[in-house]
Amino acid sequence: MGLLKNGVNAVTTVNTSGAWFKIGAGFIAAVVLFSSAVYVVNPSEMANVRRMGNVLYRDPLAAGPHLKLPFIDTVDVVQVSLTTLHIPPFDVNTVDNQKITLDMNFNFTIPRNKVNHLLYEVGKTGNVDVADSIIPVVRDRAGRIFNKQNTTSISQNREAIQSEVTQAVFEAVTEQFGLQPHSLQIAQIIYSPTFVESNENAVRAKNDAVAEQNKQVVETAKAQQKVIAAKGQADSAIESATGAAKSAVIRAEADKTKQILDGEGQAARLKLEIAAFNNSPDLYIRYLQARAQLNWNGQSPQVVGGSGSQQAIVVPIASPGGR
């Protein structure tokens, strides 16, 4: 009797444990099934569903929760907000056969009416290779533009080149993928080491040439200053010599004029004295005596005339400076 009771209790315990296990397993299965049947589309995304290889919806699904058949349906999601796609660095050759490396960024959005096109008509099904499809097109269009450029003029014409590349890329991605392009930036243009070295040498040579030219300008200015100074000294010497010559001429003319005037004065005085003597000898004798007294230097007369009781006649002889 006791053994039968214990067996019944054991069977009851086993049945109860199995029931709880089934409930737990069913709950877990329900959770898994529910999580597989519900998916959420974020505000920056749009989606569509494939079932057995067929696209379910003509228009893509907007943000919010949605249902699908677990383990049968596949959800494809694509970002429709602004996307910045980094174009990894790549090499292109310029028209003068120089290699340069470009590093670029491309900003775009996907319009609602192009979501299905990007998911199912470009590249592989879904969004796994959207970027892989865009990058080669961007590289190709940029390379075509730079293939026509001369390396030495890229920096000078960078703004125009940027505009041309942007236009080419925009047209290509719009036509092929239906994207809405917003901007394209050429982040870096990296020149080859050989070109950089050659350019540095050219700049150095140009700077040396400019420095030499400036040096020549300075030396020319110094020489011109010396020429100007020498010319000034020569002009000054010429002016001095001219002035001295003119002064000598003036003095000579003055001396000549003085001699002429002195000669004319002596002749006129002699003429007057002769006329005076002829007209009045006594008056002329008294004139000579008066002059002799004026010119007398206190010495005794040098010539005395007369003899006996006759009155001596004194003939004064003028001093060397007298007249």
C-alpha atoms as a PDB file:
ATOM      1  CA  MET A   1       0.000   0.000   0.000  1.00  0.00           C
ATOM      2  CA  GLY A   2       2.793   2.375   0.904  1.00  0.00           C
ATOM      3  CA  LEU A   3       4.738   1.543  -2.198  1.00  0.00           C
ATOM      4  CA  LEU A   4       1.722   2.287  -4.404  1.00  0.00           C
ATOM      5  CA  LYS A   5       1.238   5.654  -2.770  1.00  0.00           C
ATOM      6  CA  ASN A   6       4.846   6.632  -3.254  1.00  0.00           C
ATOM      7  CA  GLY A   7       4.670   5.632  -6.926  1.00  0.00           C
ATOM      8  CA  VAL A   8       1.622   7.770  -7.518  1.00  0.00           C
ATOM      9  CA  ASN A   9       3.321  10.781  -5.906  1.00  0.00           C
ATOM     10  CA  ALA A  10       6.356  10.282  -8.061  1.00  0.00           C
ATOM     11  CA  VAL A  11       4.286  10.114 -11.229  1.00  0.00           C
ATOM     12  CA  THR A  12       2.384  13.246 -10.206  1.00  0.00           C
ATOM     13  CA  THR A  13       5.653  15.132  -9.599  1.00  0.00           C
ATOM     14  CA  VAL A  14       7.011  14.112 -12.979  1.00  0.00           C
ATOM     15  CA  ASN A  15       3.813  15.171 -14.734  1.00  0.00           C
ATOM     16  CA  THR A  16       3.840  18.555 -12.983  1.00  0.00           C
ATOM     17  CA  SER A  17       7.481  19.209 -13.917  1.00  0.00           C
ATOM     18  CA  GLY A  18       6.804  18.275 -17.508  1.00  0.00           C
ATOM     19  CA  ALA A  19       3.832  20.616 -17.659  1.00  0.00           C
ATOM     20  CA  TRP A  20       5.937  23.562 -16.428  1.00  0.00           C
ATOM     21  CA  PHE A  21       8.668  22.705 -18.915  1.00  0.00           C
ATOM     22  CA  LYS A  22       6.161  22.692 -21.754  1.00  0.00           C
ATOM     23  CA  ILE A  23       4.747  26.027 -20.610  1.00  0.00           C
ATOM     24  CA  GLY A  24       8.227  27.549 -20.461  1.00  0.00           C
ATOM     25  CA  ALA A  25       9.205  26.133 -23.798  1.00  0.00           C
ATOM     26  CA  GLY A  26       5.982  27.362 -25.328  1.00  0.00           C
ATOM     27  CA  PHE A  27       6.539  30.839 -23.881  1.00  0.00           C
ATOM     28  CA  ILE A  28      10.061  30.983 -25.245  1.00  0.00           C
ATOM     29  CA  ALA A  29       8.837  29.777 -28.617  1.00  0.00           C
ATOM     30  CA  ALA A  30       6.133  32.413 -28.601  1.00  0.00           C
ATOM     31  CA  VAL A  31       8.654  35.138 -27.774  1.00  0.00           C
ATOM     32  CA  VAL A  32      10.979  33.949 -30.510  1.00  0.00           C
ATOM     33  CA  LEU A  33       8.111  33.686 -32.934  1.00  0.00           C
ATOM     34  CA  PHE A  34       6.863  37.172 -32.059  1.00  0.00           C
ATOM     35  CA  SER A  35      10.314  38.709 -32.320  1.00  0.00           C
ATOM     36  CA  SER A  36      10.747  37.084 -35.694  1.00  0.00           C
ATOM     37  CA  ALA A  37       7.395  38.357 -36.870  1.00  0.00           C
ATOM     38  CA  VAL A  38       7.856  41.986 -35.787  1.00  0.00           C
ATOM     39  CA  TYR A  39      10.514  44.397 -37.046  1.00  0.00           C
ATOM     40  CA  VAL A  40      11.013  48.147 -36.632  1.00  0.00           C
ATOM     41  CA  VAL A  41      12.063  50.665 -39.304  1.00  0.00           C
ATOM     42  CA  ASN A  42      13.971  53.628 -37.871  1.00  0.00           C
ATOM     43  CA  PRO A  43      13.141  57.256 -38.802  1.00  0.00           C
ATOM     44  CA  SER A  44      16.287  57.557 -40.943  1.00  0.00           C
ATOM     45  CA  GLU A  45      15.453  54.399 -42.905  1.00  0.00           C
ATOM     46  CA  MET A  46      12.970  52.864 -45.318  1.00  0.00           C
ATOM     47  CA  ALA A  47      12.427  49.157 -45.973  1.00  0.00           C
ATOM     48  CA  ASN A  48      10.762  46.466 -48.014  1.00  0.00           C
ATOM     49  CA  VAL A  49      10.194  42.728 -47.597  1.00  0.00           C
ATOM     50  CA  ARG A  50      11.091  39.762 -49.766  1.00  0.00           C
ATOM     51  CA  ARG A  51       9.086  36.548 -49.518  1.00  0.00           C
ATOM     52  CA  MET A  52      10.316  33.545 -51.398  1.00  0.00           C
ATOM     53  CA  GLY A  53      12.268  35.862 -53.750  1.00  0.00           C
ATOM     54  CA  ASN A  54       9.379  38.232 -54.416  1.00  0.00           C
ATOM     55  CA  VAL A  55       9.195  41.862 -53.280  1.00  0.00           C
ATOM     56  CA  LEU A  56       6.008  42.282 -51.244  1.00  0.00           C
ATOM     57  CA  TYR A  57       5.383  46.022 -51.394  1.00  0.00           C
ATOM     58  CA  ARG A  58       5.230  48.336 -54.335  1.00  0.00           C
ATOM     59  CA  ASP A  59       6.067  51.327 -52.136  1.00  0.00           C
ATOM     60  CA  PRO A  60       8.765  51.105 -49.440  1.00  0.00           C
ATOM     61  CA  LEU A  61       7.760  50.944 -45.793  1.00  0.00           C
ATOM     62  CA  ALA A  62       8.186  54.049 -43.648  1.00  0.00           C
ATOM     63  CA  ALA A  63       9.386  54.278 -40.044  1.00  0.00           C
ATOM     64  CA  GLY A  64       7.585  52.264 -37.353  1.00  0.00           C
ATOM     65  CA  PRO A  65       6.826  48.606 -36.361  1.00  0.00           C
ATOM     66  CA  HIS A  66       5.808  46.103 -39.044  1.00  0.00           C
ATOM     67  CA  LEU A  67       4.919  42.369 -39.269  1.00  0.00           C
ATOM     68  CA  LYS A  68       6.417  39.605 -41.390  1.00  0.00           C
ATOM     69  CA  LEU A  69       6.259  35.823 -41.565  1.00  0.00           C
ATOM     70  CA  PRO A  70       8.903  34.367 -39.283  1.00  0.00           C
ATOM     71  CA  PHE A  71      11.710  32.472 -40.974  1.00  0.00           C
ATOM     72  CA  ILE A  72      10.158  33.083 -44.388  1.00  0.00           C
ATOM     73  CA  ASP A  73      10.221  36.830 -45.022  1.00  0.00           C
ATOM     74  CA  THR A  74      13.475  38.854 -45.312  1.00  0.00           C
ATOM     75  CA  VAL A  75      13.501  42.575 -44.472  1.00  0.00           C
ATOM     76  CA  ASP A  76      15.738  44.866 -46.546  1.00  0.00           C
ATOM     77  CA  VAL A  77      16.510  48.258 -44.967  1.00  0.00           C
ATOM     78  CA  VAL A  78      18.295  51.243 -46.523  1.00  0.00           C
ATOM     79  CA  GLN A  79      19.296  54.600 -45.028  1.00  0.00           C
ATOM     80  CA  VAL A  80      17.455  57.506 -46.639  1.00  0.00           C
ATOM     81  CA  SER A  81      18.767  60.339 -44.444  1.00  0.00           C
ATOM     82  CA  LEU A  82      21.839  62.284 -45.504  1.00  0.00           C
ATOM     83  CA  THR A  83      24.707  59.863 -46.050  1.00  0.00           C
ATOM     84  CA  THR A  84      28.372  60.824 -46.179  1.00  0.00           C
ATOM     85  CA  LEU A  85      30.230  58.307 -48.263  1.00  0.00           C
ATOM     86  CA  HIS A  86      33.992  58.399 -47.916  1.00  0.00           C
ATOM     87  CA  ILE A  87      35.730  57.589 -51.189  1.00  0.00           C
ATOM     88  CA  PRO A  88      38.971  55.801 -50.203  1.00  0.00           C
ATOM     89  CA  PRO A  89      42.141  57.378 -51.654  1.00  0.00           C
ATOM     90  CA  PHE A  90      42.824  56.432 -55.277  1.00  0.00           C
ATOM     91  CA  ASP A  91      45.421  57.351 -57.909  1.00  0.00           C
ATOM     92  CA  VAL A  92      44.889  59.147 -61.219  1.00  0.00           C
ATOM     93  CA  ASN A  93      47.300  60.375 -63.895  1.00  0.00           C
ATOM     94  CA  THR A  94      47.349  63.926 -65.211  1.00  0.00           C
ATOM     95  CA  VAL A  95      47.844  65.010 -68.810  1.00  0.00           C
ATOM     96  CA  ASP A  96      51.585  65.511 -68.152  1.00  0.00           C
ATOM     97  CA  ASN A  97      51.819  61.900 -66.901  1.00  0.00           C
ATOM     98  CA  GLN A  98      52.117  62.740 -63.204  1.00  0.00           C
ATOM     99  CA  LYS A  99      50.442  60.527 -60.610  1.00  0.00           C
ATOM    100  CA  ILE A 100      48.306  62.194 -57.957  1.00  0.00           C
ATOM    101  CA  THR A 101      46.208  60.694 -55.159  1.00  0.00           C
ATOM    102  CA  LEU A 102      42.660  61.908 -54.470  1.00  0.00           C
ATOM    103  CA  ASP A 103      40.759  61.596 -51.194  1.00  0.00           C
ATOM    104  CA  MET A 104      37.065  62.532 -51.480  1.00  0.00           C
ATOM    105  CA  ASN A 105      33.740  62.609 -49.622  1.00  0.00           C
ATOM    106  CA  PHE A 106      30.327  62.389 -51.298  1.00  0.00           C
ATOM    107  CA  ASN A 107      27.074  63.437 -49.577  1.00  0.00           C
ATOM    108  CA  PHE A 108      23.734  62.189 -50.856  1.00  0.00           C
ATOM    109  CA  THR A 109      20.221  61.066 -49.931  1.00  0.00           C
ATOM    110  CA  ILE A 110      17.982  58.382 -51.426  1.00  0.00           C
ATOM    111  CA  PRO A 111      14.544  59.608 -52.567  1.00  0.00           C
ATOM    112  CA  ARG A 112      11.522  57.523 -51.514  1.00  0.00           C
ATOM    113  CA  ASN A 113      10.690  56.583 -55.093  1.00  0.00           C
ATOM    114  CA  LYS A 114      14.225  55.218 -55.618  1.00  0.00           C
ATOM    115  CA  VAL A 115      14.410  52.977 -52.543  1.00  0.00           C
ATOM    116  CA  ASN A 116      13.239  49.822 -54.351  1.00  0.00           C
ATOM    117  CA  HIS A 117      15.546  50.657 -57.249  1.00  0.00           C
ATOM    118  CA  LEU A 118      18.571  50.840 -54.921  1.00  0.00           C
ATOM    119  CA  LEU A 119      17.520  47.692 -53.010  1.00  0.00           C
ATOM    120  CA  TYR A 120      16.683  45.423 -55.905  1.00  0.00           C
ATOM    121  CA  GLU A 121      17.937  46.896 -59.185  1.00  0.00           C
ATOM    122  CA  VAL A 122      21.463  48.041 -58.302  1.00  0.00           C
ATOM    123  CA  GLY A 123      24.142  45.543 -57.404  1.00  0.00           C
ATOM    124  CA  LYS A 124      23.134  42.649 -55.184  1.00  0.00           C
ATOM    125  CA  THR A 125      19.686  42.370 -53.598  1.00  0.00           C
ATOM    126  CA  GLY A 126      19.392  44.529 -50.482  1.00  0.00           C
ATOM    127  CA  ASN A 127      21.640  47.310 -49.281  1.00  0.00           C
ATOM    128  CA  VAL A 128      24.804  45.289 -48.840  1.00  0.00           C
ATOM    129  CA  ASP A 129      26.700  46.860 -51.758  1.00  0.00           C
ATOM    130  CA  VAL A 130      25.090  50.253 -52.408  1.00  0.00           C
ATOM    131  CA  ALA A 131      28.318  52.051 -51.451  1.00  0.00           C
ATOM    132  CA  ASP A 132      30.378  49.563 -53.466  1.00  0.00           C
ATOM    133  CA  SER A 133      28.327  50.470 -56.518  1.00  0.00           C
ATOM    134  CA  ILE A 134      28.640  54.252 -56.025  1.00  0.00           C
ATOM    135  CA  ILE A 135      32.377  54.457 -55.265  1.00  0.00           C
ATOM    136  CA  PRO A 136      33.642  53.253 -58.683  1.00  0.00           C
ATOM    137  CA  VAL A 137      31.398  55.736 -60.497  1.00  0.00           C
ATOM    138  CA  VAL A 138      32.672  58.656 -58.392  1.00  0.00           C
ATOM    139  CA  ARG A 139      36.272  57.592 -58.972  1.00  0.00           C
ATOM    140  CA  ASP A 140      35.748  57.237 -62.703  1.00  0.00           C
ATOM    141  CA  ARG A 141      34.185  60.664 -63.175  1.00  0.00           C
ATOM    142  CA  ALA A 142      36.786  62.394 -61.020  1.00  0.00           C
ATOM    143  CA  GLY A 143      39.598  60.579 -62.839  1.00  0.00           C
ATOM    144  CA  ARG A 144      38.288  61.730 -66.225  1.00  0.00           C
ATOM    145  CA  ILE A 145      38.471  65.364 -65.127  1.00  0.00           C
ATOM    146  CA  PHE A 146      41.947  65.114 -63.634  1.00  0.00           C
ATOM    147  CA  ASN A 147      43.250  63.232 -66.692  1.00  0.00           C
ATOM    148  CA  LYS A 148      42.850  66.508 -68.615  1.00  0.00           C
ATOM    149  CA  GLN A 149      44.679  68.662 -66.065  1.00  0.00           C
ATOM    150  CA  ASN A 150      48.303  69.771 -65.984  1.00  0.00           C
ATOM    151  CA  THR A 151      49.827  69.021 -62.600  1.00  0.00           C
ATOM    152  CA  THR A 152      51.450  72.424 -62.273  1.00  0.00           C
ATOM    153  CA  SER A 153      48.107  74.215 -62.679  1.00  0.00           C
ATOM    154  CA  ILE A 154      45.921  72.037 -60.417  1.00  0.00           C
ATOM    155  CA  SER A 155      46.402  74.175 -57.311  1.00  0.00           C
ATOM    156  CA  GLN A 156      45.748  77.354 -59.261  1.00  0.00           C
ATOM    157  CA  ASN A 157      42.588  75.938 -60.898  1.00  0.00           C
ATOM    158  CA  ARG A 158      41.377  73.858 -57.959  1.00  0.00           C
ATOM    159  CA  GLU A 159      38.065  75.667 -57.568  1.00  0.00           C
ATOM    160  CA  ALA A 160      37.168  75.203 -61.245  1.00  0.00           C
ATOM    161  CA  ILE A 161      38.275  71.561 -61.143  1.00  0.00           C
ATOM    162  CA  GLN A 162      36.194  70.967 -58.007  1.00  0.00           C
ATOM    163  CA  SER A 163      33.128  72.390 -59.778  1.00  0.00           C
ATOM    164  CA  GLU A 164      33.707  70.264 -62.880  1.00  0.00           C
ATOM    165  CA  VAL A 165      34.183  67.045 -60.884  1.00  0.00           C
ATOM    166  CA  THR A 166      31.076  67.772 -58.801  1.00  0.00           C
ATOM    167  CA  GLN A 167      28.933  68.287 -61.879  1.00  0.00           C
ATOM    168  CA  ALA A 168      30.192  65.090 -63.543  1.00  0.00           C
ATOM    169  CA  VAL A 169      29.631  62.975 -60.421  1.00  0.00           C
ATOM    170  CA  PHE A 170      26.172  64.432 -59.758  1.00  0.00           C
ATOM    171  CA  GLU A 171      25.007  63.673 -63.289  1.00  0.00           C
ATOM    172  CA  ALA A 172      26.345  60.108 -63.166  1.00  0.00           C
ATOM    173  CA  VAL A 173      24.877  59.064 -59.774  1.00  0.00           C
ATOM    174  CA  THR A 174      21.539  60.677 -60.591  1.00  0.00           C
ATOM    175  CA  GLU A 175      21.273  58.870 -63.897  1.00  0.00           C
ATOM    176  CA  GLN A 176      22.530  55.476 -62.747  1.00  0.00           C
ATOM    177  CA  PHE A 177      21.243  55.195 -59.178  1.00  0.00           C
ATOM    178  CA  GLY A 178      18.566  57.838 -58.814  1.00  0.00           C
ATOM    179  CA  LEU A 179      20.387  59.400 -55.848  1.00  0.00           C
ATOM    180  CA  GLN A 180      19.820  62.943 -54.704  1.00  0.00           C
ATOM    181  CA  PRO A 181      23.409  64.334 -54.566  1.00  0.00           C
ATOM    182  CA  HIS A 182      24.116  67.204 -52.174  1.00  0.00           C
ATOM    183  CA  SER A 183      27.834  67.899 -52.145  1.00  0.00           C
ATOM    184  CA  LEU A 184      31.221  66.508 -53.039  1.00  0.00           C
ATOM    185  CA  GLN A 185      34.470  67.494 -51.359  1.00  0.00           C
ATOM    186  CA  ILE A 186      37.962  66.823 -52.619  1.00  0.00           C
ATOM    187  CA  ALA A 187      39.498  66.462 -49.184  1.00  0.00           C
ATOM    188  CA  GLN A 188      43.090  65.992 -50.373  1.00  0.00           C
ATOM    189  CA  ILE A 189      45.152  66.141 -53.536  1.00  0.00           C
ATOM    190  CA  ILE A 190      48.416  64.353 -52.828  1.00  0.00           C
ATOM    191  CA  TYR A 191      51.220  64.824 -55.350  1.00  0.00           C
ATOM    192  CA  SER A 192      53.908  62.253 -56.031  1.00  0.00           C
ATOM    193  CA  PRO A 193      57.231  62.673 -54.132  1.00  0.00           C
ATOM    194  CA  THR A 194      59.040  63.176 -57.452  1.00  0.00           C
ATOM    195  CA  PHE A 195      56.769  66.044 -58.456  1.00  0.00           C
ATOM    196  CA  VAL A 196      56.971  67.612 -54.995  1.00  0.00           C
ATOM    197  CA  GLU A 197      60.770  67.526 -55.111  1.00  0.00           C
ATOM    198  CA  SER A 198      60.815  68.930 -58.644  1.00  0.00           C
ATOM    199  CA  ASN A 199      58.405  71.688 -57.673  1.00  0.00           C
ATOM    200  CA  GLU A 200      60.462  72.565 -54.599  1.00  0.00           C
ATOM    201  CA  ASN A 201      63.591  72.796 -56.750  1.00  0.00           C
ATOM    202  CA  ALA A 202      61.767  75.035 -59.218  1.00  0.00           C
ATOM    203  CA  VAL A 203      60.516  77.286 -56.426  1.00  0.00           C
ATOM    204  CA  ARG A 204      63.994  77.421 -54.905  1.00  0.00           C
ATOM    205  CA  ALA A 205      65.519  78.335 -58.272  1.00  0.00           C
ATOM    206  CA  LYS A 206      62.894  81.009 -58.813  1.00  0.00           C
ATOM    207  CA  ASN A 207      63.522  82.452 -55.356  1.00  0.00           C
ATOM    208  CA  ASP A 208      67.273  82.459 -56.035  1.00  0.00           C
ATOM    209  CA  ALA A 209      66.668  84.223 -59.339  1.00  0.00           C
ATOM    210  CA  VAL A 210      64.459  86.808 -57.647  1.00  0.00           C
ATOM    211  CA  ALA A 211      67.076  87.317 -54.936  1.00  0.00           C
ATOM    212  CA  GLU A 212      69.793  87.783 -57.573  1.00  0.00           C
ATOM    213  CA  GLN A 213      67.578  90.190 -59.478  1.00  0.00           C
ATOM    214  CA  ASN A 214      66.936  92.176 -56.308  1.00  0.00           C
ATOM    215  CA  LYS A 215      70.665  92.208 -55.638  1.00  0.00           C
ATOM    216  CA  GLN A 216      71.293  93.564 -59.135  1.00  0.00           C
ATOM    217  CA  VAL A 217      68.651  96.222 -58.583  1.00  0.00           C
ATOM    218  CA  VAL A 218      70.355  97.262 -55.343  1.00  0.00           C
ATOM    219  CA  GLU A 219      73.791  97.342 -56.991  1.00  0.00           C
ATOM    220  CA  THR A 220      72.395  99.311 -59.926  1.00  0.00           C
ATOM    221  CA  ALA A 221      70.833 101.796 -57.525  1.00  0.00           C
ATOM    222  CA  LYS A 222      74.153 102.161 -55.694  1.00  0.00           C
ATOM    223  CA  ALA A 223      75.986 102.710 -58.991  1.00  0.00           C
ATOM    224  CA  GLN A 224      73.415 105.283 -60.047  1.00  0.00           C
ATOM    225  CA  GLN A 225      73.849 107.056 -56.729  1.00  0.00           C
ATOM    226  CA  LYS A 226      77.609 107.146 -57.290  1.00  0.00           C
ATOM    227  CA  VAL A 227      77.087 108.474 -60.830  1.00  0.00           C
ATOM    228  CA  ILE A 228      74.728 111.127 -59.521  1.00  0.00           C
ATOM    229  CA  ALA A 229      77.193 112.098 -56.779  1.00  0.00           C
ATOM    230  CA  ALA A 230      80.097 112.227 -59.269  1.00  0.00           C
ATOM    231  CA  LYS A 231      78.031 114.277 -61.684  1.00  0.00           C
ATOM    232  CA  GLY A 232      77.121 116.613 -58.857  1.00  0.00           C
ATOM    233  CA  GLN A 233      80.782 117.005 -57.927  1.00  0.00           C
ATOM    234  CA  ALA A 234      81.730 117.550 -61.577  1.00  0.00           C
ATOM    235  CA  ASP A 235      78.984 120.095 -62.027  1.00  0.00           C
ATOM    236  CA  SER A 236      80.116 121.820 -58.846  1.00  0.00           C
ATOM    237  CA  ALA A 237      83.735 121.860 -60.051  1.00  0.00           C
ATOM    238  CA  ILE A 238      82.630 123.177 -63.428  1.00  0.00           C
ATOM    239  CA  GLU A 239      80.583 125.895 -61.772  1.00  0.00           C
ATOM    240  CA  SER A 240      83.516 126.799 -59.522  1.00  0.00           C
ATOM    241  CA  ALA A 241      85.940 126.873 -62.437  1.00  0.00           C
ATOM    242  CA  THR A 242      83.507 128.864 -64.532  1.00  0.00           C
ATOM    243  CA  GLY A 243      83.029 131.314 -61.675  1.00  0.00           C
ATOM    244  CA  ALA A 244      86.784 131.648 -61.157  1.00  0.00           C
ATOM    245  CA  ALA A 245      87.332 132.159 -64.876  1.00  0.00           C
ATOM    246  CA  LYS A 246      84.609 134.763 -65.039  1.00  0.00           C
ATOM    247  CA  SER A 247      86.093 136.470 -61.974  1.00  0.00           C
ATOM    248  CA  ALA A 248      89.559 136.476 -63.588  1.00  0.00           C
ATOM    249  CA  VAL A 249      88.127 137.917 -66.789  1.00  0.00           C
ATOM    250  CA  ILE A 250      86.256 140.570 -64.838  1.00  0.00           C
ATOM    251  CA  ARG A 251      89.409 141.454 -62.850  1.00  0.00           C
ATOM    252  CA  ALA A 252      91.494 141.586 -66.015  1.00  0.00           C
ATOM    253  CA  GLU A 253      88.939 143.780 -67.716  1.00  0.00           C
ATOM    254  CA  ALA A 254      88.818 145.994 -64.610  1.00  0.00           C
ATOM    255  CA  ASP A 255      92.641 146.264 -64.502  1.00  0.00           C
ATOM    256  CA  LYS A 256      92.695 147.047 -68.207  1.00  0.00           C
ATOM    257  CA  THR A 257      89.994 149.623 -67.815  1.00  0.00           C
ATOM    258  CA  LYS A 258      91.844 151.135 -64.825  1.00  0.00           C
ATOM    259  CA  GLN A 259      95.106 151.324 -66.795  1.00  0.00           C
ATOM    260  CA  ILE A 260      93.300 152.927 -69.706  1.00  0.00           C
ATOM    261  CA  LEU A 261      91.624 155.424 -67.408  1.00  0.00           C
ATOM    262  CA  ASP A 262      94.895 156.121 -65.553  1.00  0.00           C
ATOM    263  CA  GLY A 263      96.688 156.685 -68.863  1.00  0.00           C
ATOM    264  CA  GLU A 264      93.951 158.923 -70.116  1.00  0.00           C
ATOM    265  CA  GLY A 265      94.051 160.848 -66.815  1.00  0.00           C
ATOM    266  CA  GLN A 266      97.821 161.303 -66.992  1.00  0.00           C
ATOM    267  CA  ALA A 267      97.580 162.500 -70.589  1.00  0.00           C
ATOM    268  CA  ALA A 268      94.787 164.894 -69.760  1.00  0.00           C
ATOM    269  CA  ARG A 269      96.645 166.292 -66.739  1.00  0.00           C
ATOM    270  CA  LEU A 270      99.830 166.713 -68.779  1.00  0.00           C
ATOM    271  CA  LYS A 271      97.862 168.453 -71.461  1.00  0.00           C
ATOM    272  CA  LEU A 272      96.361 170.805 -68.898  1.00  0.00           C
ATOM    273  CA  GLU A 273      99.754 171.515 -67.316  1.00  0.00           C
ATOM    274  CA  ILE A 274     101.266 172.322 -70.710  1.00  0.00           C
ATOM    275  CA  ALA A 275      98.378 174.647 -71.497  1.00  0.00           C
ATOM    276  CA  ALA A 276      98.729 176.300 -68.112  1.00  0.00           C
ATOM    277  CA  PHE A 277     102.492 176.843 -68.638  1.00  0.00           C
ATOM    278  CA  ASN A 278     101.953 178.302 -72.064  1.00  0.00           C
ATOM    279  CA  ASN A 279      99.299 180.655 -70.828  1.00  0.00           C
ATOM    280  CA  SER A 280     100.997 181.748 -67.541  1.00  0.00           C
ATOM    281  CA  PRO A 281     104.501 180.533 -66.739  1.00  0.00           C
ATOM    282  CA  ASP A 282     104.545 182.279 -63.346  1.00  0.00           C
ATOM    283  CA  LEU A 283     101.252 180.741 -62.344  1.00  0.00           C
ATOM    284  CA  TYR A 284     102.507 177.329 -63.373  1.00  0.00           C
ATOM    285  CA  ILE A 285     105.698 177.749 -61.354  1.00  0.00           C
ATOM    286  CA  ARG A 286     103.686 178.591 -58.246  1.00  0.00           C
ATOM    287  CA  TYR A 287     101.512 175.511 -58.967  1.00  0.00           C
ATOM    288  CA  LEU A 288     104.597 173.304 -59.076  1.00  0.00           C
ATOM    289  CA  GLN A 289     105.908 174.824 -55.814  1.00  0.00           C
ATOM    290  CA  ALA A 290     102.569 174.169 -54.091  1.00  0.00           C
ATOM    291  CA  ARG A 291     102.604 170.568 -55.217  1.00  0.00           C
ATOM    292  CA  ALA A 292     106.183 170.172 -54.106  1.00  0.00           C
ATOM    293  CA  GLN A 293     105.297 171.414 -50.654  1.00  0.00           C
ATOM    294  CA  LEU A 294     102.370 169.006 -50.485  1.00  0.00           C
ATOM    295  CA  ASN A 295     104.613 166.118 -51.488  1.00  0.00           C
ATOM    296  CA  TRP A 296     107.650 167.200 -49.342  1.00  0.00           C
ATOM    297  CA  ASN A 297     108.805 164.438 -47.029  1.00  0.00           C
ATOM    298  CA  GLY A 298     110.924 166.612 -44.734  1.00  0.00           C
ATOM    299  CA  GLN A 299     114.272 166.053 -46.535  1.00  0.00           C
ATOM    300  CA  SER A 300     116.543 168.779 -47.878  1.00  0.00           C
ATOM    301  CA  PRO A 301     116.280 169.732 -51.515  1.00  0.00           C
ATOM    302  CA  GLN A 302     118.413 167.522 -53.711  1.00  0.00           C
ATOM    303  CA  VAL A 303     119.132 170.173 -56.412  1.00  0.00           C
ATOM    304  CA  VAL A 304     120.071 173.834 -55.619  1.00  0.00           C
ATOM    305  CA  GLY A 305     120.613 176.392 -58.406  1.00  0.00           C
ATOM    306  CA  GLY A 306     122.029 180.015 -58.477  1.00  0.00           C
ATOM    307  CA  SER A 307     125.351 181.837 -57.517  1.00  0.00           C
ATOM    308  CA  GLY A 308     126.564 185.060 -55.867  1.00  0.00           C
ATOM    309  CA  SER A 309     123.920 187.458 -54.761  1.00  0.00           C
ATOM    310  CA  GLN A 310     121.314 186.021 -57.026  1.00  0.00           C
ATOM    311  CA  GLN A 311     118.286 184.325 -55.416  1.00  0.00           C
ATOM    312  CA  ALA A 312     118.451 180.530 -55.400  1.00  0.00           C
ATOM    313  CA  ILE A 313     115.883 178.682 -57.405  1.00  0.00           C
ATOM    314  CA  VAL A 314     114.714 175.517 -55.766  1.00  0.00           C
ATOM    315  CA  VAL A 315     113.381 172.832 -58.089  1.00  0.00           C
ATOM    316  CA  PRO A 316     111.636 170.284 -55.934  1.00  0.00           C
ATOM    317  CA  ILE A 317     111.810 166.617 -57.000  1.00  0.00           C
ATOM    318  CA  ALA A 318     108.717 164.700 -56.171  1.00  0.00           C
ATOM    319  CA  SER A 319     108.924 161.681 -53.938  1.00  0.00           C
ATOM    320  CA  PRO A 320     108.652 158.292 -55.624  1.00  0.00           C
ATOM    321  CA  GLY A 321     104.927 158.100 -54.952  1.00  0.00           C
ATOM    322  CA  GLY A 322     104.119 161.747 -55.691  1.00  0.00           C
ATOM    323  CA  ARG A 323     102.958 163.492 -58.822  1.00  0.00           C
END
